[in-house]
Amino acid sequence: MEFGAVIKHDQSKSPKTGAWRYMHPEVDKEKCIGCATCVPFCPDAAIIIKDGKAEIDYEYCKGCGVCAEVCPMKAIIMKKK
């Protein structure tokens, strides 16, 4: 009996899913302190810290809002697309 293989998820080969979004997060750069609390919570690995501030890759972000919920500074706000 043959069994299929399990392939490790590779974000670099993931399809761009940003077009599925109904809501999108916006980062208030004045409030963001670059603490990176949001980064590990993003299920799509769509957040990086660049120049000391959170930056969202909208090509991969699905707009789930987890980042906005966990941000201690409330610097990420969900808005309708």
PDB file of N, CA and C in Angstrom:
ATOM      1  N   MET A   1       0.839  -1.168   0.000  1.00  0.00           N
ATOM      2  CA  MET A   1       0.000   0.000   0.000  1.00  0.00           C
ATOM      3  C   MET A   1       0.890   1.239   0.000  1.00  0.00           C
ATOM      4  N   GLU A   2       0.599   2.191  -0.884  1.00  0.00           N
ATOM      5  CA  GLU A   2       1.381   3.418  -0.975  1.00  0.00           C
ATOM      6  C   GLU A   2       0.741   4.517  -0.132  1.00  0.00           C
ATOM      7  N   PHE A   3       1.585   5.282   0.485  1.00  0.00           N
ATOM      8  CA  PHE A   3       1.107   6.404   1.281  1.00  0.00           C
ATOM      9  C   PHE A   3       1.667   7.689   0.694  1.00  0.00           C
ATOM     10  N   GLY A   4       0.915   8.775   0.811  1.00  0.00           N
ATOM     11  CA  GLY A   4       1.385  10.070   0.333  1.00  0.00           C
ATOM     12  C   GLY A   4       2.396  10.668   1.286  1.00  0.00           C
ATOM     13  N   ALA A   5       3.065  11.664   0.814  1.00  0.00           N
ATOM     14  CA  ALA A   5       4.075  12.337   1.631  1.00  0.00           C
ATOM     15  C   ALA A   5       3.477  13.586   2.271  1.00  0.00           C
ATOM     16  N   VAL A   6       4.046  13.962   3.385  1.00  0.00           N
ATOM     17  CA  VAL A   6       3.679  15.215   4.030  1.00  0.00           C
ATOM     18  C   VAL A   6       4.753  16.219   3.664  1.00  0.00           C
ATOM     19  N   ILE A   7       4.325  17.336   3.136  1.00  0.00           N
ATOM     20  CA  ILE A   7       5.278  18.350   2.695  1.00  0.00           C
ATOM     21  C   ILE A   7       5.242  19.511   3.676  1.00  0.00           C
ATOM     22  N   LYS A   8       6.403  19.936   4.122  1.00  0.00           N
ATOM     23  CA  LYS A   8       6.509  21.056   5.053  1.00  0.00           C
ATOM     24  C   LYS A   8       5.986  22.326   4.380  1.00  0.00           C
ATOM     25  N   HIS A   9       5.202  23.088   5.128  1.00  0.00           N
ATOM     26  CA  HIS A   9       4.663  24.354   4.625  1.00  0.00           C
ATOM     27  C   HIS A   9       5.813  25.333   4.392  1.00  0.00           C
ATOM     28  N   ASP A  10       5.865  25.889   3.209  1.00  0.00           N
ATOM     29  CA  ASP A  10       6.906  26.856   2.852  1.00  0.00           C
ATOM     30  C   ASP A  10       6.213  28.149   2.439  1.00  0.00           C
ATOM     31  N   GLN A  11       6.284  29.165   3.290  1.00  0.00           N
ATOM     32  CA  GLN A  11       5.589  30.424   3.038  1.00  0.00           C
ATOM     33  C   GLN A  11       5.983  31.034   1.695  1.00  0.00           C
ATOM     34  N   SER A  12       7.214  30.827   1.260  1.00  0.00           N
ATOM     35  CA  SER A  12       7.653  31.428   0.005  1.00  0.00           C
ATOM     36  C   SER A  12       6.926  30.853  -1.200  1.00  0.00           C
ATOM     37  N   LYS A  13       6.302  29.688  -1.034  1.00  0.00           N
ATOM     38  CA  LYS A  13       5.575  29.075  -2.140  1.00  0.00           C
ATOM     39  C   LYS A  13       4.065  29.123  -1.936  1.00  0.00           C
ATOM     40  N   SER A  14       3.618  29.787  -0.883  1.00  0.00           N
ATOM     41  CA  SER A  14       2.190  29.887  -0.617  1.00  0.00           C
ATOM     42  C   SER A  14       1.532  30.781  -1.658  1.00  0.00           C
ATOM     43  N   PRO A  15       0.303  30.467  -2.002  1.00  0.00           N
ATOM     44  CA  PRO A  15      -0.399  31.344  -2.945  1.00  0.00           C
ATOM     45  C   PRO A  15      -0.720  32.676  -2.281  1.00  0.00           C
ATOM     46  N   LYS A  16      -0.709  33.715  -3.064  1.00  0.00           N
ATOM     47  CA  LYS A  16      -1.052  35.033  -2.535  1.00  0.00           C
ATOM     48  C   LYS A  16      -2.555  35.049  -2.300  1.00  0.00           C
ATOM     49  N   THR A  17      -2.953  35.323  -1.077  1.00  0.00           N
ATOM     50  CA  THR A  17      -4.359  35.211  -0.702  1.00  0.00           C
ATOM     51  C   THR A  17      -4.966  36.532  -0.262  1.00  0.00           C
ATOM     52  N   GLY A  18      -4.248  37.607  -0.420  1.00  0.00           N
ATOM     53  CA  GLY A  18      -4.734  38.902   0.042  1.00  0.00           C
ATOM     54  C   GLY A  18      -6.041  39.345  -0.590  1.00  0.00           C
ATOM     55  N   ALA A  19      -6.344  38.879  -1.791  1.00  0.00           N
ATOM     56  CA  ALA A  19      -7.571  39.279  -2.476  1.00  0.00           C
ATOM     57  C   ALA A  19      -8.821  38.734  -1.786  1.00  0.00           C
ATOM     58  N   TRP A  20      -8.670  37.772  -0.888  1.00  0.00           N
ATOM     59  CA  TRP A  20      -9.807  37.176  -0.188  1.00  0.00           C
ATOM     60  C   TRP A  20     -10.317  38.056   0.944  1.00  0.00           C
ATOM     61  N   ARG A  21      -9.563  39.054   1.308  1.00  0.00           N
ATOM     62  CA  ARG A  21      -9.846  39.870   2.489  1.00  0.00           C
ATOM     63  C   ARG A  21     -11.138  40.679   2.373  1.00  0.00           C
ATOM     64  N   TYR A  22     -11.885  40.756   3.468  1.00  0.00           N
ATOM     65  CA  TYR A  22     -13.027  41.663   3.591  1.00  0.00           C
ATOM     66  C   TYR A  22     -12.596  42.879   4.419  1.00  0.00           C
ATOM     67  N   MET A  23     -11.782  42.621   5.427  1.00  0.00           N
ATOM     68  CA  MET A  23     -11.226  43.669   6.286  1.00  0.00           C
ATOM     69  C   MET A  23      -9.706  43.645   6.107  1.00  0.00           C
ATOM     70  N   HIS A  24      -9.074  44.753   6.406  1.00  0.00           N
ATOM     71  CA  HIS A  24      -7.613  44.755   6.364  1.00  0.00           C
ATOM     72  C   HIS A  24      -7.066  45.553   7.547  1.00  0.00           C
ATOM     73  N   PRO A  25      -5.921  45.103   8.066  1.00  0.00           N
ATOM     74  CA  PRO A  25      -5.310  45.819   9.184  1.00  0.00           C
ATOM     75  C   PRO A  25      -4.482  47.002   8.689  1.00  0.00           C
ATOM     76  N   GLU A  26      -4.540  48.083   9.429  1.00  0.00           N
ATOM     77  CA  GLU A  26      -3.682  49.232   9.147  1.00  0.00           C
ATOM     78  C   GLU A  26      -2.870  49.522  10.397  1.00  0.00           C
ATOM     79  N   VAL A  27      -1.590  49.785  10.198  1.00  0.00           N
ATOM     80  CA  VAL A  27      -0.691  50.070  11.318  1.00  0.00           C
ATOM     81  C   VAL A  27      -0.572  51.579  11.492  1.00  0.00           C
ATOM     82  N   ASP A  28      -0.873  52.049  12.690  1.00  0.00           N
ATOM     83  CA  ASP A  28      -0.667  53.453  13.038  1.00  0.00           C
ATOM     84  C   ASP A  28       0.800  53.568  13.443  1.00  0.00           C
ATOM     85  N   LYS A  29       1.616  54.099  12.551  1.00  0.00           N
ATOM     86  CA  LYS A  29       3.069  54.163  12.767  1.00  0.00           C
ATOM     87  C   LYS A  29       3.441  55.020  13.975  1.00  0.00           C
ATOM     88  N   GLU A  30       2.567  55.930  14.375  1.00  0.00           N
ATOM     89  CA  GLU A  30       2.849  56.764  15.544  1.00  0.00           C
ATOM     90  C   GLU A  30       2.670  55.981  16.843  1.00  0.00           C
ATOM     91  N   LYS A  31       1.725  55.041  16.853  1.00  0.00           N
ATOM     92  CA  LYS A  31       1.474  54.232  18.048  1.00  0.00           C
ATOM     93  C   LYS A  31       2.368  52.999  18.114  1.00  0.00           C
ATOM     94  N   CYS A  32       2.757  52.459  16.961  1.00  0.00           N
ATOM     95  CA  CYS A  32       3.545  51.220  16.917  1.00  0.00           C
ATOM     96  C   CYS A  32       4.928  51.442  17.528  1.00  0.00           C
ATOM     97  N   ILE A  33       5.289  50.567  18.471  1.00  0.00           N
ATOM     98  CA  ILE A  33       6.602  50.667  19.114  1.00  0.00           C
ATOM     99  C   ILE A  33       7.564  49.585  18.616  1.00  0.00           C
ATOM    100  N   GLY A  34       7.117  48.790  17.644  1.00  0.00           N
ATOM    101  CA  GLY A  34       7.991  47.754  17.077  1.00  0.00           C
ATOM    102  C   GLY A  34       8.279  46.606  18.016  1.00  0.00           C
ATOM    103  N   CYS A  35       7.357  46.316  18.923  1.00  0.00           N
ATOM    104  CA  CYS A  35       7.587  45.257  19.923  1.00  0.00           C
ATOM    105  C   CYS A  35       7.523  43.853  19.325  1.00  0.00           C
ATOM    106  N   ALA A  36       6.920  43.722  18.152  1.00  0.00           N
ATOM    107  CA  ALA A  36       6.805  42.447  17.423  1.00  0.00           C
ATOM    108  C   ALA A  36       5.862  41.439  18.079  1.00  0.00           C
ATOM    109  N   THR A  37       5.014  41.884  18.984  1.00  0.00           N
ATOM    110  CA  THR A  37       4.038  40.977  19.588  1.00  0.00           C
ATOM    111  C   THR A  37       3.142  40.370  18.517  1.00  0.00           C
ATOM    112  N   CYS A  38       2.793  41.126  17.515  1.00  0.00           N
ATOM    113  CA  CYS A  38       1.893  40.680  16.453  1.00  0.00           C
ATOM    114  C   CYS A  38       2.510  39.631  15.528  1.00  0.00           C
ATOM    115  N   VAL A  39       3.807  39.672  15.346  1.00  0.00           N
ATOM    116  CA  VAL A  39       4.478  38.823  14.354  1.00  0.00           C
ATOM    117  C   VAL A  39       4.208  37.331  14.543  1.00  0.00           C
ATOM    118  N   PRO A  40       4.444  36.746  15.714  1.00  0.00           N
ATOM    119  CA  PRO A  40       4.232  35.298  15.831  1.00  0.00           C
ATOM    120  C   PRO A  40       2.757  34.883  15.818  1.00  0.00           C
ATOM    121  N   PHE A  41       1.852  35.824  16.039  1.00  0.00           N
ATOM    122  CA  PHE A  41       0.425  35.495  16.045  1.00  0.00           C
ATOM    123  C   PHE A  41      -0.186  35.472  14.655  1.00  0.00           C
ATOM    124  N   CYS A  42       0.480  36.065  13.671  1.00  0.00           N
ATOM    125  CA  CYS A  42      -0.078  36.123  12.315  1.00  0.00           C
ATOM    126  C   CYS A  42      -0.050  34.731  11.683  1.00  0.00           C
ATOM    127  N   PRO A  43      -1.230  34.149  11.386  1.00  0.00           N
ATOM    128  CA  PRO A  43      -1.261  32.802  10.813  1.00  0.00           C
ATOM    129  C   PRO A  43      -0.746  32.738   9.384  1.00  0.00           C
ATOM    130  N   ASP A  44      -0.599  33.887   8.743  1.00  0.00           N
ATOM    131  CA  ASP A  44      -0.134  33.924   7.358  1.00  0.00           C
ATOM    132  C   ASP A  44       1.295  34.425   7.223  1.00  0.00           C
ATOM    133  N   ALA A  45       1.967  34.655   8.342  1.00  0.00           N
ATOM    134  CA  ALA A  45       3.339  35.184   8.344  1.00  0.00           C
ATOM    135  C   ALA A  45       3.441  36.427   7.458  1.00  0.00           C
ATOM    136  N   ALA A  46       2.444  37.309   7.588  1.00  0.00           N
ATOM    137  CA  ALA A  46       2.366  38.488   6.733  1.00  0.00           C
ATOM    138  C   ALA A  46       2.865  39.762   7.412  1.00  0.00           C
ATOM    139  N   ILE A  47       3.438  39.641   8.611  1.00  0.00           N
ATOM    140  CA  ILE A  47       3.908  40.828   9.333  1.00  0.00           C
ATOM    141  C   ILE A  47       5.398  40.718   9.607  1.00  0.00           C
ATOM    142  N   ILE A  48       6.102  41.800   9.323  1.00  0.00           N
ATOM    143  CA  ILE A  48       7.519  41.906   9.675  1.00  0.00           C
ATOM    144  C   ILE A  48       7.707  43.236  10.411  1.00  0.00           C
ATOM    145  N   ILE A  49       8.823  43.359  11.092  1.00  0.00           N
ATOM    146  CA  ILE A  49       9.190  44.637  11.702  1.00  0.00           C
ATOM    147  C   ILE A  49      10.267  45.238  10.809  1.00  0.00           C
ATOM    148  N   LYS A  50       9.978  46.409  10.285  1.00  0.00           N
ATOM    149  CA  LYS A  50      10.911  47.094   9.389  1.00  0.00           C
ATOM    150  C   LYS A  50      11.074  48.526   9.885  1.00  0.00           C
ATOM    151  N   ASP A  51      12.308  48.933  10.055  1.00  0.00           N
ATOM    152  CA  ASP A  51      12.616  50.267  10.576  1.00  0.00           C
ATOM    153  C   ASP A  51      11.897  50.535  11.903  1.00  0.00           C
ATOM    154  N   GLY A  52      11.800  49.491  12.734  1.00  0.00           N
ATOM    155  CA  GLY A  52      11.230  49.633  14.060  1.00  0.00           C
ATOM    156  C   GLY A  52       9.712  49.709  14.122  1.00  0.00           C
ATOM    157  N   LYS A  53       9.034  49.372  13.024  1.00  0.00           N
ATOM    158  CA  LYS A  53       7.573  49.426  12.978  1.00  0.00           C
ATOM    159  C   LYS A  53       7.030  48.181  12.286  1.00  0.00           C
ATOM    160  N   ALA A  54       5.813  47.778  12.662  1.00  0.00           N
ATOM    161  CA  ALA A  54       5.171  46.635  12.012  1.00  0.00           C
ATOM    162  C   ALA A  54       4.805  47.012  10.581  1.00  0.00           C
ATOM    163  N   GLU A  55       5.015  46.062   9.686  1.00  0.00           N
ATOM    164  CA  GLU A  55       4.662  46.257   8.283  1.00  0.00           C
ATOM    165  C   GLU A  55       3.932  45.006   7.806  1.00  0.00           C
ATOM    166  N   ILE A  56       2.819  45.191   7.124  1.00  0.00           N
ATOM    167  CA  ILE A  56       1.970  44.074   6.707  1.00  0.00           C
ATOM    168  C   ILE A  56       2.080  43.853   5.209  1.00  0.00           C
ATOM    169  N   ASP A  57       2.278  42.593   4.827  1.00  0.00           N
ATOM    170  CA  ASP A  57       2.311  42.213   3.417  1.00  0.00           C
ATOM    171  C   ASP A  57       0.875  41.882   3.011  1.00  0.00           C
ATOM    172  N   TYR A  58       0.221  42.818   2.345  1.00  0.00           N
ATOM    173  CA  TYR A  58      -1.188  42.661   1.996  1.00  0.00           C
ATOM    174  C   TYR A  58      -1.439  41.606   0.925  1.00  0.00           C
ATOM    175  N   GLU A  59      -0.409  41.137   0.266  1.00  0.00           N
ATOM    176  CA  GLU A  59      -0.597  40.064  -0.716  1.00  0.00           C
ATOM    177  C   GLU A  59      -0.891  38.734  -0.031  1.00  0.00           C
ATOM    178  N   TYR A  60      -0.494  38.603   1.243  1.00  0.00           N
ATOM    179  CA  TYR A  60      -0.709  37.355   1.979  1.00  0.00           C
ATOM    180  C   TYR A  60      -1.699  37.497   3.133  1.00  0.00           C
ATOM    181  N   CYS A  61      -1.894  38.693   3.641  1.00  0.00           N
ATOM    182  CA  CYS A  61      -2.795  38.930   4.772  1.00  0.00           C
ATOM    183  C   CYS A  61      -4.233  38.591   4.380  1.00  0.00           C
ATOM    184  N   LYS A  62      -4.895  37.794   5.225  1.00  0.00           N
ATOM    185  CA  LYS A  62      -6.298  37.440   4.973  1.00  0.00           C
ATOM    186  C   LYS A  62      -7.258  38.322   5.765  1.00  0.00           C
ATOM    187  N   GLY A  63      -6.732  39.207   6.586  1.00  0.00           N
ATOM    188  CA  GLY A  63      -7.583  40.126   7.336  1.00  0.00           C
ATOM    189  C   GLY A  63      -8.293  39.504   8.520  1.00  0.00           C
ATOM    190  N   CYS A  64      -7.662  38.530   9.160  1.00  0.00           N
ATOM    191  CA  CYS A  64      -8.301  37.814  10.277  1.00  0.00           C
ATOM    192  C   CYS A  64      -8.441  38.684  11.525  1.00  0.00           C
ATOM    193  N   GLY A  65      -7.561  39.678  11.696  1.00  0.00           N
ATOM    194  CA  GLY A  65      -7.654  40.590  12.827  1.00  0.00           C
ATOM    195  C   GLY A  65      -6.930  40.167  14.088  1.00  0.00           C
ATOM    196  N   VAL A  66      -6.247  39.040  14.052  1.00  0.00           N
ATOM    197  CA  VAL A  66      -5.527  38.580  15.241  1.00  0.00           C
ATOM    198  C   VAL A  66      -4.471  39.608  15.651  1.00  0.00           C
ATOM    199  N   CYS A  67      -3.782  40.170  14.690  1.00  0.00           N
ATOM    200  CA  CYS A  67      -2.735  41.156  14.989  1.00  0.00           C
ATOM    201  C   CYS A  67      -3.301  42.346  15.764  1.00  0.00           C
ATOM    202  N   ALA A  68      -4.476  42.812  15.363  1.00  0.00           N
ATOM    203  CA  ALA A  68      -5.110  43.947  16.039  1.00  0.00           C
ATOM    204  C   ALA A  68      -5.503  43.585  17.472  1.00  0.00           C
ATOM    205  N   GLU A  69      -5.924  42.355  17.670  1.00  0.00           N
ATOM    206  CA  GLU A  69      -6.330  41.911  19.007  1.00  0.00           C
ATOM    207  C   GLU A  69      -5.152  41.817  19.973  1.00  0.00           C
ATOM    208  N   VAL A  70      -3.987  41.380  19.481  1.00  0.00           N
ATOM    209  CA  VAL A  70      -2.848  41.159  20.382  1.00  0.00           C
ATOM    210  C   VAL A  70      -1.938  42.371  20.543  1.00  0.00           C
ATOM    211  N   CYS A  71      -2.101  43.387  19.727  1.00  0.00           N
ATOM    212  CA  CYS A  71      -1.222  44.560  19.805  1.00  0.00           C
ATOM    213  C   CYS A  71      -1.426  45.292  21.134  1.00  0.00           C
ATOM    214  N   PRO A  72      -0.391  45.351  21.985  1.00  0.00           N
ATOM    215  CA  PRO A  72      -0.540  45.999  23.291  1.00  0.00           C
ATOM    216  C   PRO A  72      -0.718  47.516  23.204  1.00  0.00           C
ATOM    217  N   MET A  73      -0.306  48.106  22.097  1.00  0.00           N
ATOM    218  CA  MET A  73      -0.419  49.553  21.927  1.00  0.00           C
ATOM    219  C   MET A  73      -1.674  49.949  21.141  1.00  0.00           C
ATOM    220  N   LYS A  74      -2.438  48.949  20.700  1.00  0.00           N
ATOM    221  CA  LYS A  74      -3.624  49.186  19.851  1.00  0.00           C
ATOM    222  C   LYS A  74      -3.243  50.006  18.618  1.00  0.00           C
ATOM    223  N   ALA A  75      -2.071  49.678  18.058  1.00  0.00           N
ATOM    224  CA  ALA A  75      -1.558  50.383  16.889  1.00  0.00           C
ATOM    225  C   ALA A  75      -2.044  49.770  15.578  1.00  0.00           C
ATOM    226  N   ILE A  76      -2.718  48.628  15.657  1.00  0.00           N
ATOM    227  CA  ILE A  76      -3.242  47.988  14.449  1.00  0.00           C
ATOM    228  C   ILE A  76      -4.759  48.052  14.518  1.00  0.00           C
ATOM    229  N   ILE A  77      -5.334  48.638  13.486  1.00  0.00           N
ATOM    230  CA  ILE A  77      -6.775  48.845  13.430  1.00  0.00           C
ATOM    231  C   ILE A  77      -7.325  48.135  12.201  1.00  0.00           C
ATOM    232  N   MET A  78      -8.419  47.400  12.385  1.00  0.00           N
ATOM    233  CA  MET A  78      -9.058  46.718  11.264  1.00  0.00           C
ATOM    234  C   MET A  78     -10.024  47.680  10.572  1.00  0.00           C
ATOM    235  N   LYS A  79      -9.908  47.735   9.246  1.00  0.00           N
ATOM    236  CA  LYS A  79     -10.780  48.604   8.450  1.00  0.00           C
ATOM    237  C   LYS A  79     -11.396  47.795   7.325  1.00  0.00           C
ATOM    238  N   LYS A  80     -12.581  48.218   6.893  1.00  0.00           N
ATOM    239  CA  LYS A  80     -13.210  47.551   5.754  1.00  0.00           C
ATOM    240  C   LYS A  80     -12.393  47.818   4.507  1.00  0.00           C
ATOM    241  N   LYS A  81     -12.300  46.803   3.670  1.00  0.00           N
ATOM    242  CA  LYS A  81     -11.496  46.907   2.451  1.00  0.00           C
ATOM    243  C   LYS A  81     -12.147  47.834   1.461  1.00  0.00           C
TER     244      LYS A  81
END
